[in-house]
Amino acid sequence: MKDLENEKKTVLTCLFVAVICITFVTLLLLYNSDDTTVTDINEDVVDVKSFNIVDEGTGTYTDGTVFIINSNGDLKVKVIAELFIGDQDFGGVTYSMEHLGVSSVFCDYRFEDDSTAYVHTLDHLGEYGRVEVASSQEPTGGGKGYIEVEFGSTNTLSPSGHENLELIIGVGSKILPGGTKVWGNTTETIVIEH
């Protein structure tokens, strides 16, 4: 009988110690000063603009948001948008930024077919950076996707000395009488003040 009581005391003592240990570990995890879950939201964003551009002739459109980011004088412009390319459109969608080059692009248009065949970047020396989606001599067959483009200073492109910059977005295409092709049939200009 005495052994049974000693065994009960031992089990209760072990349970008590286990509860204390679990409580201590939980408190340490909850109050850890090195918590990495803290995230800055909209850090250094100084302005936000939106756009919705449709080319009626081809049905091509892009709809999105422009974030203007200024971190200690380092200007960046980030475009996040949905896009749709009409199946007969050869112009696609272009995003051109004055005096800023293309820093990064993420796009899932025709991703399963290899997006790099449909998405191209260009930094035109000292003038603008550009991203073209499904812009070619012939239609790509159309489709839908999302894109994130970041424009920033490069070795050859810089916003310094320019008070206002322009983001020019072009969609669609058409063929004029006589056969001349026009890319970016419908455009919108977004002024970026910095």
N, C-alpha and C. Protein backbone atom coordinates (compact mmCIF):
# COMPACT_ATOMS: atom_id res chain seq x y z
N MET A 1 0.81 -1.18 0.00
CA MET A 1 0.00 0.00 0.00
C MET A 1 0.87 1.26 0.00
N LYS A 2 1.94 1.17 0.79
CA LYS A 2 2.85 2.29 0.87
C LYS A 2 3.54 2.52 -0.47
N ASP A 3 3.87 1.44 -1.17
CA ASP A 3 4.49 1.56 -2.49
C ASP A 3 3.55 2.23 -3.48
N LEU A 4 2.27 1.94 -3.40
CA LEU A 4 1.28 2.54 -4.28
C LEU A 4 1.18 4.04 -4.03
N GLU A 5 1.23 4.45 -2.76
CA GLU A 5 1.18 5.88 -2.42
C GLU A 5 2.45 6.59 -2.92
N ASN A 6 3.59 5.96 -2.74
CA ASN A 6 4.86 6.54 -3.23
C ASN A 6 4.84 6.67 -4.75
N GLU A 7 4.28 5.68 -5.41
CA GLU A 7 4.19 5.71 -6.87
C GLU A 7 3.27 6.84 -7.33
N LYS A 8 2.15 7.06 -6.64
CA LYS A 8 1.23 8.15 -6.96
C LYS A 8 1.93 9.50 -6.76
N LYS A 9 2.67 9.62 -5.66
CA LYS A 9 3.39 10.88 -5.40
C LYS A 9 4.43 11.15 -6.48
N THR A 10 5.11 10.09 -6.91
CA THR A 10 6.13 10.24 -7.95
C THR A 10 5.48 10.68 -9.27
N VAL A 11 4.37 10.05 -9.62
CA VAL A 11 3.66 10.42 -10.87
C VAL A 11 3.16 11.85 -10.78
N LEU A 12 2.58 12.24 -9.64
CA LEU A 12 2.10 13.62 -9.48
C LEU A 12 3.25 14.62 -9.54
N THR A 13 4.37 14.28 -8.94
CA THR A 13 5.54 15.16 -8.97
C THR A 13 6.04 15.32 -10.41
N CYS A 14 6.09 14.21 -11.15
CA CYS A 14 6.53 14.27 -12.56
C CYS A 14 5.58 15.11 -13.40
N LEU A 15 4.27 14.95 -13.19
CA LEU A 15 3.28 15.76 -13.92
C LEU A 15 3.44 17.24 -13.59
N PHE A 16 3.65 17.54 -12.29
CA PHE A 16 3.82 18.91 -11.87
C PHE A 16 5.06 19.54 -12.52
N VAL A 17 6.16 18.80 -12.52
CA VAL A 17 7.40 19.28 -13.15
C VAL A 17 7.20 19.46 -14.66
N ALA A 18 6.49 18.54 -15.31
CA ALA A 18 6.23 18.65 -16.75
C ALA A 18 5.40 19.89 -17.07
N VAL A 19 4.36 20.16 -16.26
CA VAL A 19 3.52 21.35 -16.47
C VAL A 19 4.35 22.61 -16.29
N ILE A 20 5.21 22.65 -15.27
CA ILE A 20 6.08 23.81 -15.05
C ILE A 20 7.01 24.02 -16.25
N CYS A 21 7.61 22.94 -16.76
CA CYS A 21 8.54 23.04 -17.91
C CYS A 21 7.81 23.53 -19.15
N ILE A 22 6.63 22.99 -19.44
CA ILE A 22 5.86 23.40 -20.62
C ILE A 22 5.47 24.86 -20.50
N THR A 23 5.04 25.28 -19.31
CA THR A 23 4.68 26.69 -19.10
C THR A 23 5.87 27.60 -19.31
N PHE A 24 7.03 27.21 -18.78
CA PHE A 24 8.24 28.01 -18.92
C PHE A 24 8.65 28.14 -20.39
N VAL A 25 8.65 27.04 -21.12
CA VAL A 25 9.03 27.06 -22.54
C VAL A 25 8.04 27.91 -23.34
N THR A 26 6.75 27.79 -23.06
CA THR A 26 5.73 28.58 -23.76
C THR A 26 5.95 30.07 -23.51
N LEU A 27 6.20 30.44 -22.25
CA LEU A 27 6.46 31.85 -21.94
C LEU A 27 7.71 32.37 -22.65
N LEU A 28 8.74 31.55 -22.72
CA LEU A 28 9.95 31.96 -23.44
C LEU A 28 9.65 32.22 -24.91
N LEU A 29 8.87 31.35 -25.51
CA LEU A 29 8.54 31.52 -26.93
C LEU A 29 7.67 32.75 -27.16
N LEU A 30 6.74 33.00 -26.26
CA LEU A 30 5.85 34.15 -26.41
C LEU A 30 6.57 35.48 -26.21
N TYR A 31 7.54 35.51 -25.32
CA TYR A 31 8.20 36.76 -24.99
C TYR A 31 9.63 36.86 -25.53
N ASN A 32 9.95 36.10 -26.54
CA ASN A 32 11.28 36.14 -27.14
C ASN A 32 11.50 37.49 -27.79
N SER A 33 12.56 38.18 -27.41
CA SER A 33 12.84 39.52 -27.95
C SER A 33 13.35 39.47 -29.39
N ASP A 34 13.74 38.29 -29.89
CA ASP A 34 14.22 38.17 -31.26
C ASP A 34 13.10 37.71 -32.20
N ASP A 35 11.89 38.09 -31.91
CA ASP A 35 10.74 37.67 -32.72
C ASP A 35 10.88 38.22 -34.14
N THR A 36 10.87 37.36 -35.13
CA THR A 36 11.07 37.77 -36.52
C THR A 36 9.76 37.94 -37.27
N THR A 37 8.64 37.91 -36.58
CA THR A 37 7.36 38.04 -37.28
C THR A 37 6.94 39.48 -37.49
N VAL A 38 7.69 40.45 -36.97
CA VAL A 38 7.35 41.86 -37.14
C VAL A 38 7.76 42.29 -38.55
N THR A 39 6.81 42.81 -39.30
CA THR A 39 7.06 43.23 -40.68
C THR A 39 6.62 44.68 -40.86
N ASP A 40 7.44 45.48 -41.52
CA ASP A 40 7.06 46.85 -41.84
C ASP A 40 6.11 46.83 -43.03
N ILE A 41 5.01 47.54 -42.89
CA ILE A 41 4.02 47.63 -43.96
C ILE A 41 4.16 48.99 -44.64
N ASN A 42 4.26 48.98 -45.96
CA ASN A 42 4.35 50.20 -46.77
C ASN A 42 5.53 51.09 -46.36
N GLU A 43 6.63 50.46 -45.98
CA GLU A 43 7.80 51.23 -45.57
C GLU A 43 8.32 52.06 -46.74
N ASP A 44 8.51 53.35 -46.50
CA ASP A 44 9.06 54.33 -47.45
C ASP A 44 8.15 54.60 -48.65
N VAL A 45 6.89 54.13 -48.65
CA VAL A 45 5.96 54.44 -49.73
C VAL A 45 5.46 55.87 -49.53
N VAL A 46 5.69 56.74 -50.53
CA VAL A 46 5.31 58.14 -50.41
C VAL A 46 4.05 58.48 -51.20
N ASP A 47 3.66 57.60 -52.13
CA ASP A 47 2.44 57.85 -52.90
C ASP A 47 2.00 56.54 -53.56
N VAL A 48 0.71 56.45 -53.83
CA VAL A 48 0.13 55.29 -54.50
C VAL A 48 -0.83 55.81 -55.57
N LYS A 49 -0.73 55.23 -56.76
CA LYS A 49 -1.62 55.61 -57.86
C LYS A 49 -2.18 54.33 -58.48
N SER A 50 -3.36 54.44 -59.07
CA SER A 50 -3.94 53.25 -59.70
C SER A 50 -4.24 53.55 -61.17
N PHE A 51 -4.41 52.47 -61.94
CA PHE A 51 -4.71 52.63 -63.37
C PHE A 51 -5.58 51.46 -63.83
N ASN A 52 -6.32 51.71 -64.89
CA ASN A 52 -7.13 50.69 -65.55
C ASN A 52 -7.21 51.12 -67.02
N ILE A 53 -6.46 50.44 -67.88
CA ILE A 53 -6.34 50.84 -69.27
C ILE A 53 -6.83 49.70 -70.15
N VAL A 54 -7.75 50.01 -71.08
CA VAL A 54 -8.33 49.00 -71.96
C VAL A 54 -8.20 49.48 -73.40
N ASP A 55 -7.74 48.59 -74.28
CA ASP A 55 -7.75 48.86 -75.72
C ASP A 55 -9.00 48.20 -76.29
N GLU A 56 -9.95 49.02 -76.70
CA GLU A 56 -11.25 48.50 -77.17
C GLU A 56 -11.11 47.63 -78.41
N GLY A 57 -10.17 47.93 -79.27
CA GLY A 57 -10.03 47.18 -80.52
C GLY A 57 -9.57 45.74 -80.34
N THR A 58 -8.71 45.50 -79.34
CA THR A 58 -8.16 44.16 -79.15
C THR A 58 -8.67 43.48 -77.88
N GLY A 59 -9.24 44.25 -76.96
CA GLY A 59 -9.67 43.71 -75.68
C GLY A 59 -8.53 43.59 -74.67
N THR A 60 -7.34 43.97 -75.06
CA THR A 60 -6.19 43.91 -74.16
C THR A 60 -6.35 44.97 -73.07
N TYR A 61 -6.02 44.59 -71.82
CA TYR A 61 -6.11 45.56 -70.74
C TYR A 61 -5.06 45.28 -69.66
N THR A 62 -4.85 46.29 -68.84
CA THR A 62 -4.05 46.13 -67.61
C THR A 62 -4.69 47.00 -66.54
N ASP A 63 -4.73 46.46 -65.33
CA ASP A 63 -5.39 47.10 -64.21
C ASP A 63 -4.51 46.90 -62.99
N GLY A 64 -4.07 48.01 -62.36
CA GLY A 64 -3.15 47.82 -61.25
C GLY A 64 -2.88 49.04 -60.42
N THR A 65 -1.79 48.94 -59.66
CA THR A 65 -1.40 49.96 -58.70
C THR A 65 0.08 50.27 -58.88
N VAL A 66 0.41 51.55 -58.69
CA VAL A 66 1.80 52.01 -58.74
C VAL A 66 2.17 52.51 -57.34
N PHE A 67 3.26 51.97 -56.79
CA PHE A 67 3.78 52.40 -55.50
C PHE A 67 5.04 53.22 -55.75
N ILE A 68 5.06 54.46 -55.24
CA ILE A 68 6.24 55.31 -55.35
C ILE A 68 6.96 55.21 -54.01
N ILE A 69 8.21 54.75 -54.05
CA ILE A 69 8.98 54.46 -52.84
C ILE A 69 10.21 55.36 -52.83
N ASN A 70 10.40 56.08 -51.73
CA ASN A 70 11.57 56.94 -51.60
C ASN A 70 12.26 56.60 -50.28
N SER A 71 13.37 55.90 -50.39
CA SER A 71 14.13 55.49 -49.22
C SER A 71 15.43 56.29 -49.17
N ASN A 72 15.45 57.33 -48.35
CA ASN A 72 16.64 58.19 -48.22
C ASN A 72 17.12 58.72 -49.55
N GLY A 73 16.20 59.19 -50.39
CA GLY A 73 16.56 59.76 -51.68
C GLY A 73 16.69 58.76 -52.81
N ASP A 74 16.60 57.47 -52.50
CA ASP A 74 16.65 56.43 -53.54
C ASP A 74 15.23 56.15 -54.01
N LEU A 75 14.89 56.63 -55.20
CA LEU A 75 13.54 56.50 -55.74
C LEU A 75 13.36 55.16 -56.45
N LYS A 76 12.25 54.49 -56.13
CA LYS A 76 11.85 53.27 -56.82
C LYS A 76 10.38 53.38 -57.14
N VAL A 77 9.99 52.81 -58.27
CA VAL A 77 8.58 52.77 -58.67
C VAL A 77 8.23 51.31 -58.90
N LYS A 78 7.23 50.84 -58.16
CA LYS A 78 6.81 49.44 -58.28
C LYS A 78 5.41 49.39 -58.86
N VAL A 79 5.25 48.60 -59.92
CA VAL A 79 3.96 48.40 -60.58
C VAL A 79 3.50 46.97 -60.30
N ILE A 80 2.29 46.83 -59.78
CA ILE A 80 1.70 45.52 -59.56
C ILE A 80 0.36 45.52 -60.28
N ALA A 81 0.19 44.59 -61.24
CA ALA A 81 -0.99 44.68 -62.09
C ALA A 81 -1.46 43.32 -62.60
N GLU A 82 -2.72 43.30 -62.96
CA GLU A 82 -3.30 42.19 -63.71
C GLU A 82 -3.27 42.60 -65.17
N LEU A 83 -3.09 41.64 -66.06
CA LEU A 83 -3.12 41.97 -67.49
C LEU A 83 -3.84 40.88 -68.27
N PHE A 84 -4.41 41.29 -69.37
CA PHE A 84 -5.06 40.37 -70.29
C PHE A 84 -4.67 40.78 -71.70
N ILE A 85 -4.23 39.81 -72.50
CA ILE A 85 -3.84 40.08 -73.88
C ILE A 85 -4.89 39.44 -74.79
N GLY A 86 -5.46 40.24 -75.69
CA GLY A 86 -6.42 39.70 -76.66
C GLY A 86 -5.75 38.72 -77.60
N ASP A 87 -6.49 37.71 -78.05
CA ASP A 87 -5.87 36.64 -78.85
C ASP A 87 -5.34 37.09 -80.21
N GLN A 88 -5.82 38.22 -80.75
CA GLN A 88 -5.32 38.73 -82.02
C GLN A 88 -4.39 39.94 -81.87
N ASP A 89 -4.05 40.26 -80.62
CA ASP A 89 -3.22 41.44 -80.34
C ASP A 89 -1.73 41.10 -80.44
N PHE A 90 -0.99 41.88 -81.21
CA PHE A 90 0.47 41.72 -81.29
C PHE A 90 1.19 42.78 -80.47
N GLY A 91 0.47 43.78 -79.95
CA GLY A 91 1.09 44.87 -79.18
C GLY A 91 1.27 44.55 -77.72
N GLY A 92 0.36 43.76 -77.15
CA GLY A 92 0.47 43.38 -75.75
C GLY A 92 0.37 44.56 -74.81
N VAL A 93 1.16 44.52 -73.75
CA VAL A 93 1.17 45.57 -72.72
C VAL A 93 2.61 46.00 -72.49
N THR A 94 2.85 47.31 -72.41
CA THR A 94 4.18 47.83 -72.10
C THR A 94 4.10 48.80 -70.93
N TYR A 95 5.13 48.75 -70.09
CA TYR A 95 5.28 49.67 -68.96
C TYR A 95 6.63 50.34 -69.16
N SER A 96 6.63 51.66 -69.41
CA SER A 96 7.87 52.41 -69.64
C SER A 96 8.02 53.50 -68.60
N MET A 97 9.19 53.58 -67.97
CA MET A 97 9.43 54.56 -66.91
C MET A 97 10.59 55.46 -67.30
N GLU A 98 10.31 56.76 -67.38
CA GLU A 98 11.36 57.74 -67.68
C GLU A 98 12.46 57.74 -66.63
N HIS A 99 13.70 57.75 -67.07
CA HIS A 99 14.89 57.96 -66.24
C HIS A 99 15.09 56.93 -65.13
N LEU A 100 14.37 55.80 -65.20
CA LEU A 100 14.58 54.70 -64.26
C LEU A 100 14.68 53.41 -65.05
N GLY A 101 15.59 52.55 -64.63
CA GLY A 101 15.76 51.27 -65.31
C GLY A 101 14.93 50.18 -64.65
N VAL A 102 14.85 49.04 -65.30
CA VAL A 102 14.10 47.91 -64.78
C VAL A 102 14.99 47.17 -63.77
N SER A 103 14.54 47.10 -62.51
CA SER A 103 15.29 46.41 -61.46
C SER A 103 14.88 44.95 -61.35
N SER A 104 13.59 44.67 -61.45
CA SER A 104 13.12 43.29 -61.35
C SER A 104 11.75 43.15 -62.00
N VAL A 105 11.46 41.93 -62.45
CA VAL A 105 10.16 41.62 -63.05
C VAL A 105 9.74 40.23 -62.61
N PHE A 106 8.50 40.11 -62.17
CA PHE A 106 7.87 38.82 -61.93
C PHE A 106 6.58 38.83 -62.74
N CYS A 107 6.38 37.82 -63.58
CA CYS A 107 5.20 37.78 -64.43
C CYS A 107 4.80 36.33 -64.68
N ASP A 108 3.52 36.05 -64.58
CA ASP A 108 3.08 34.67 -64.82
C ASP A 108 2.30 34.52 -66.13
N TYR A 109 2.36 35.53 -67.01
CA TYR A 109 1.71 35.40 -68.32
C TYR A 109 2.36 34.25 -69.09
N ARG A 110 1.57 33.29 -69.50
CA ARG A 110 2.02 32.11 -70.26
C ARG A 110 3.19 31.41 -69.56
N PHE A 111 3.14 31.39 -68.22
CA PHE A 111 4.22 30.81 -67.42
C PHE A 111 4.49 29.36 -67.79
N GLU A 112 3.42 28.62 -68.05
CA GLU A 112 3.58 27.21 -68.39
C GLU A 112 4.31 27.02 -69.72
N ASP A 113 4.29 28.05 -70.58
CA ASP A 113 4.98 27.99 -71.88
C ASP A 113 6.38 28.60 -71.82
N ASP A 114 6.80 29.11 -70.66
CA ASP A 114 8.07 29.81 -70.46
C ASP A 114 7.88 31.31 -70.71
N SER A 115 7.58 32.03 -69.62
CA SER A 115 7.30 33.46 -69.69
C SER A 115 8.40 34.26 -70.36
N THR A 116 9.64 33.79 -70.29
CA THR A 116 10.74 34.57 -70.87
C THR A 116 10.59 34.73 -72.38
N ALA A 117 9.80 33.90 -73.01
CA ALA A 117 9.56 34.06 -74.45
C ALA A 117 8.57 35.19 -74.72
N TYR A 118 7.83 35.62 -73.70
CA TYR A 118 6.78 36.63 -73.88
C TYR A 118 7.04 37.93 -73.13
N VAL A 119 7.98 37.93 -72.20
CA VAL A 119 8.26 39.12 -71.39
C VAL A 119 9.69 39.57 -71.68
N HIS A 120 9.83 40.85 -72.05
CA HIS A 120 11.15 41.38 -72.41
C HIS A 120 11.38 42.71 -71.68
N THR A 121 12.63 42.98 -71.33
CA THR A 121 12.99 44.24 -70.70
C THR A 121 13.98 44.99 -71.57
N LEU A 122 13.99 46.30 -71.41
CA LEU A 122 14.89 47.16 -72.17
C LEU A 122 15.22 48.37 -71.32
N ASP A 123 16.47 48.70 -71.19
CA ASP A 123 16.90 49.98 -70.61
C ASP A 123 17.51 50.78 -71.75
N HIS A 124 16.77 51.78 -72.21
CA HIS A 124 17.25 52.61 -73.31
C HIS A 124 18.15 53.69 -72.72
N LEU A 125 19.38 53.70 -73.14
CA LEU A 125 20.46 54.50 -72.57
C LEU A 125 20.03 55.92 -72.20
N GLY A 126 19.96 56.18 -70.90
CA GLY A 126 19.72 57.53 -70.40
C GLY A 126 18.30 58.04 -70.53
N GLU A 127 17.37 57.26 -71.13
CA GLU A 127 16.03 57.78 -71.37
C GLU A 127 14.95 57.06 -70.58
N TYR A 128 14.87 55.73 -70.69
CA TYR A 128 13.79 55.01 -70.01
C TYR A 128 14.11 53.53 -69.87
N GLY A 129 13.40 52.92 -68.91
CA GLY A 129 13.39 51.48 -68.77
C GLY A 129 12.02 50.99 -69.21
N ARG A 130 11.97 49.80 -69.80
CA ARG A 130 10.69 49.32 -70.34
C ARG A 130 10.55 47.82 -70.14
N VAL A 131 9.30 47.39 -69.88
CA VAL A 131 8.95 45.98 -69.84
C VAL A 131 7.83 45.78 -70.85
N GLU A 132 8.00 44.79 -71.73
CA GLU A 132 7.00 44.47 -72.74
C GLU A 132 6.49 43.06 -72.50
N VAL A 133 5.16 42.90 -72.50
CA VAL A 133 4.54 41.59 -72.34
C VAL A 133 3.75 41.30 -73.61
N ALA A 134 4.07 40.21 -74.27
CA ALA A 134 3.38 39.76 -75.49
C ALA A 134 3.40 40.81 -76.59
N SER A 135 4.50 41.53 -76.70
CA SER A 135 4.66 42.54 -77.74
C SER A 135 5.64 41.99 -78.77
N SER A 136 5.12 41.71 -79.97
CA SER A 136 5.96 41.11 -81.01
C SER A 136 5.39 41.46 -82.38
N GLN A 137 5.93 40.86 -83.41
CA GLN A 137 5.43 41.10 -84.76
C GLN A 137 4.10 40.38 -85.02
N GLU A 138 3.87 39.29 -84.32
CA GLU A 138 2.66 38.49 -84.51
C GLU A 138 1.96 38.29 -83.16
N PRO A 139 0.64 38.06 -83.15
CA PRO A 139 -0.08 37.79 -81.90
C PRO A 139 0.48 36.54 -81.22
N THR A 140 0.46 36.54 -79.89
CA THR A 140 0.96 35.40 -79.12
C THR A 140 -0.14 34.42 -78.77
N GLY A 141 -1.37 34.72 -79.12
CA GLY A 141 -2.49 33.83 -78.80
C GLY A 141 -3.28 34.27 -77.59
N GLY A 142 -2.84 35.32 -76.93
CA GLY A 142 -3.58 35.89 -75.82
C GLY A 142 -3.43 35.12 -74.53
N GLY A 143 -4.05 35.66 -73.50
CA GLY A 143 -4.01 35.04 -72.19
C GLY A 143 -4.04 36.08 -71.09
N LYS A 144 -4.06 35.58 -69.87
CA LYS A 144 -4.19 36.43 -68.69
C LYS A 144 -3.00 36.20 -67.77
N GLY A 145 -2.66 37.19 -66.97
CA GLY A 145 -1.56 37.02 -66.02
C GLY A 145 -1.46 38.18 -65.06
N TYR A 146 -0.46 38.08 -64.20
CA TYR A 146 -0.15 39.13 -63.24
C TYR A 146 1.31 39.50 -63.41
N ILE A 147 1.62 40.76 -63.08
CA ILE A 147 3.00 41.23 -63.23
C ILE A 147 3.36 42.15 -62.08
N GLU A 148 4.63 42.07 -61.67
CA GLU A 148 5.20 43.00 -60.71
C GLU A 148 6.51 43.50 -61.31
N VAL A 149 6.59 44.80 -61.52
CA VAL A 149 7.79 45.42 -62.11
C VAL A 149 8.31 46.45 -61.13
N GLU A 150 9.63 46.46 -60.93
CA GLU A 150 10.23 47.51 -60.12
C GLU A 150 11.22 48.27 -60.99
N PHE A 151 11.07 49.59 -60.99
CA PHE A 151 11.98 50.48 -61.69
C PHE A 151 12.83 51.20 -60.64
N GLY A 152 14.13 51.38 -60.94
CA GLY A 152 15.03 52.08 -60.02
C GLY A 152 16.22 52.64 -60.76
N SER A 153 17.07 53.35 -60.03
CA SER A 153 18.28 53.94 -60.62
C SER A 153 19.23 52.84 -61.07
N THR A 154 19.89 53.07 -62.20
CA THR A 154 20.91 52.16 -62.69
C THR A 154 22.16 52.98 -63.01
N ASN A 155 23.17 52.34 -63.56
CA ASN A 155 24.39 53.07 -63.94
C ASN A 155 24.12 54.12 -65.01
N THR A 156 23.14 53.86 -65.87
CA THR A 156 22.88 54.78 -66.98
C THR A 156 21.59 55.58 -66.83
N LEU A 157 20.74 55.19 -65.87
CA LEU A 157 19.46 55.88 -65.69
C LEU A 157 19.32 56.36 -64.25
N SER A 158 18.92 57.62 -64.10
CA SER A 158 18.76 58.20 -62.78
C SER A 158 17.72 59.32 -62.83
N PRO A 159 16.88 59.43 -61.79
CA PRO A 159 15.88 60.50 -61.79
C PRO A 159 16.42 61.85 -61.37
N SER A 160 17.69 61.91 -60.90
CA SER A 160 18.22 63.18 -60.41
C SER A 160 18.23 64.22 -61.53
N GLY A 161 17.85 65.43 -61.15
CA GLY A 161 17.78 66.52 -62.11
C GLY A 161 16.45 66.59 -62.83
N HIS A 162 15.55 65.66 -62.54
CA HIS A 162 14.23 65.66 -63.17
C HIS A 162 13.18 65.77 -62.08
N GLU A 163 12.39 66.86 -62.10
CA GLU A 163 11.42 67.10 -61.04
C GLU A 163 10.29 66.08 -61.07
N ASN A 164 9.70 65.86 -62.23
CA ASN A 164 8.63 64.89 -62.38
C ASN A 164 9.03 63.84 -63.42
N LEU A 165 8.63 62.62 -63.18
CA LEU A 165 8.89 61.53 -64.10
C LEU A 165 7.56 61.01 -64.62
N GLU A 166 7.60 60.26 -65.70
CA GLU A 166 6.37 59.72 -66.26
C GLU A 166 6.48 58.21 -66.44
N LEU A 167 5.45 57.52 -65.99
CA LEU A 167 5.27 56.11 -66.27
C LEU A 167 4.24 56.05 -67.38
N ILE A 168 4.64 55.49 -68.52
CA ILE A 168 3.74 55.40 -69.68
C ILE A 168 3.37 53.94 -69.87
N ILE A 169 2.06 53.67 -69.85
CA ILE A 169 1.55 52.31 -70.01
C ILE A 169 0.79 52.25 -71.32
N GLY A 170 1.17 51.30 -72.17
CA GLY A 170 0.51 51.14 -73.47
C GLY A 170 -0.08 49.75 -73.60
N VAL A 171 -1.27 49.67 -74.19
CA VAL A 171 -1.92 48.38 -74.41
C VAL A 171 -2.46 48.31 -75.84
N GLY A 172 -2.51 47.11 -76.37
CA GLY A 172 -3.15 46.88 -77.66
C GLY A 172 -2.31 47.22 -78.87
N SER A 173 -2.94 47.06 -80.03
CA SER A 173 -2.28 47.32 -81.30
C SER A 173 -3.35 47.50 -82.37
N LYS A 174 -2.90 47.97 -83.54
CA LYS A 174 -3.79 48.03 -84.70
C LYS A 174 -2.94 48.12 -85.96
N ILE A 175 -3.58 47.81 -87.07
CA ILE A 175 -2.92 47.94 -88.37
C ILE A 175 -3.63 49.04 -89.14
N LEU A 176 -2.86 50.07 -89.50
CA LEU A 176 -3.42 51.21 -90.24
C LEU A 176 -3.64 50.84 -91.70
N PRO A 177 -4.50 51.60 -92.40
CA PRO A 177 -4.63 51.39 -93.84
C PRO A 177 -3.24 51.52 -94.48
N GLY A 178 -2.92 50.63 -95.34
CA GLY A 178 -1.59 50.61 -95.95
C GLY A 178 -0.69 49.60 -95.26
N GLY A 179 -1.15 49.01 -94.13
CA GLY A 179 -0.40 47.94 -93.49
C GLY A 179 0.56 48.33 -92.38
N THR A 180 0.65 49.62 -92.02
CA THR A 180 1.55 50.03 -90.95
C THR A 180 1.02 49.54 -89.61
N LYS A 181 1.90 48.86 -88.83
CA LYS A 181 1.52 48.34 -87.52
C LYS A 181 1.76 49.39 -86.44
N VAL A 182 0.83 49.46 -85.49
CA VAL A 182 0.93 50.38 -84.36
C VAL A 182 0.89 49.56 -83.07
N TRP A 183 1.93 49.69 -82.23
CA TRP A 183 1.98 49.05 -80.92
C TRP A 183 1.58 50.08 -79.87
N GLY A 184 0.91 49.67 -78.81
CA GLY A 184 0.48 50.62 -77.78
C GLY A 184 -0.58 51.55 -78.31
N ASN A 185 -1.62 50.97 -78.88
CA ASN A 185 -2.70 51.76 -79.47
C ASN A 185 -3.39 52.65 -78.45
N THR A 186 -3.53 52.19 -77.23
CA THR A 186 -4.14 52.97 -76.16
C THR A 186 -3.10 53.16 -75.06
N THR A 187 -2.87 54.41 -74.63
CA THR A 187 -1.85 54.67 -73.62
C THR A 187 -2.40 55.54 -72.50
N GLU A 188 -1.72 55.46 -71.38
CA GLU A 188 -2.00 56.37 -70.25
C GLU A 188 -0.66 56.76 -69.64
N THR A 189 -0.55 58.02 -69.27
CA THR A 189 0.67 58.54 -68.64
C THR A 189 0.37 58.85 -67.18
N ILE A 190 1.19 58.32 -66.29
CA ILE A 190 1.06 58.57 -64.86
C ILE A 190 2.27 59.40 -64.43
N VAL A 191 2.02 60.58 -63.90
CA VAL A 191 3.09 61.48 -63.47
C VAL A 191 3.55 61.06 -62.08
N ILE A 192 4.86 60.90 -61.95
CA ILE A 192 5.48 60.52 -60.66
C ILE A 192 6.22 61.73 -60.14
N GLU A 193 5.72 62.31 -59.06
CA GLU A 193 6.39 63.45 -58.43
C GLU A 193 7.30 62.92 -57.34
N HIS A 194 8.50 63.46 -57.28
CA HIS A 194 9.42 62.99 -56.22
C HIS A 194 10.22 64.13 -55.65
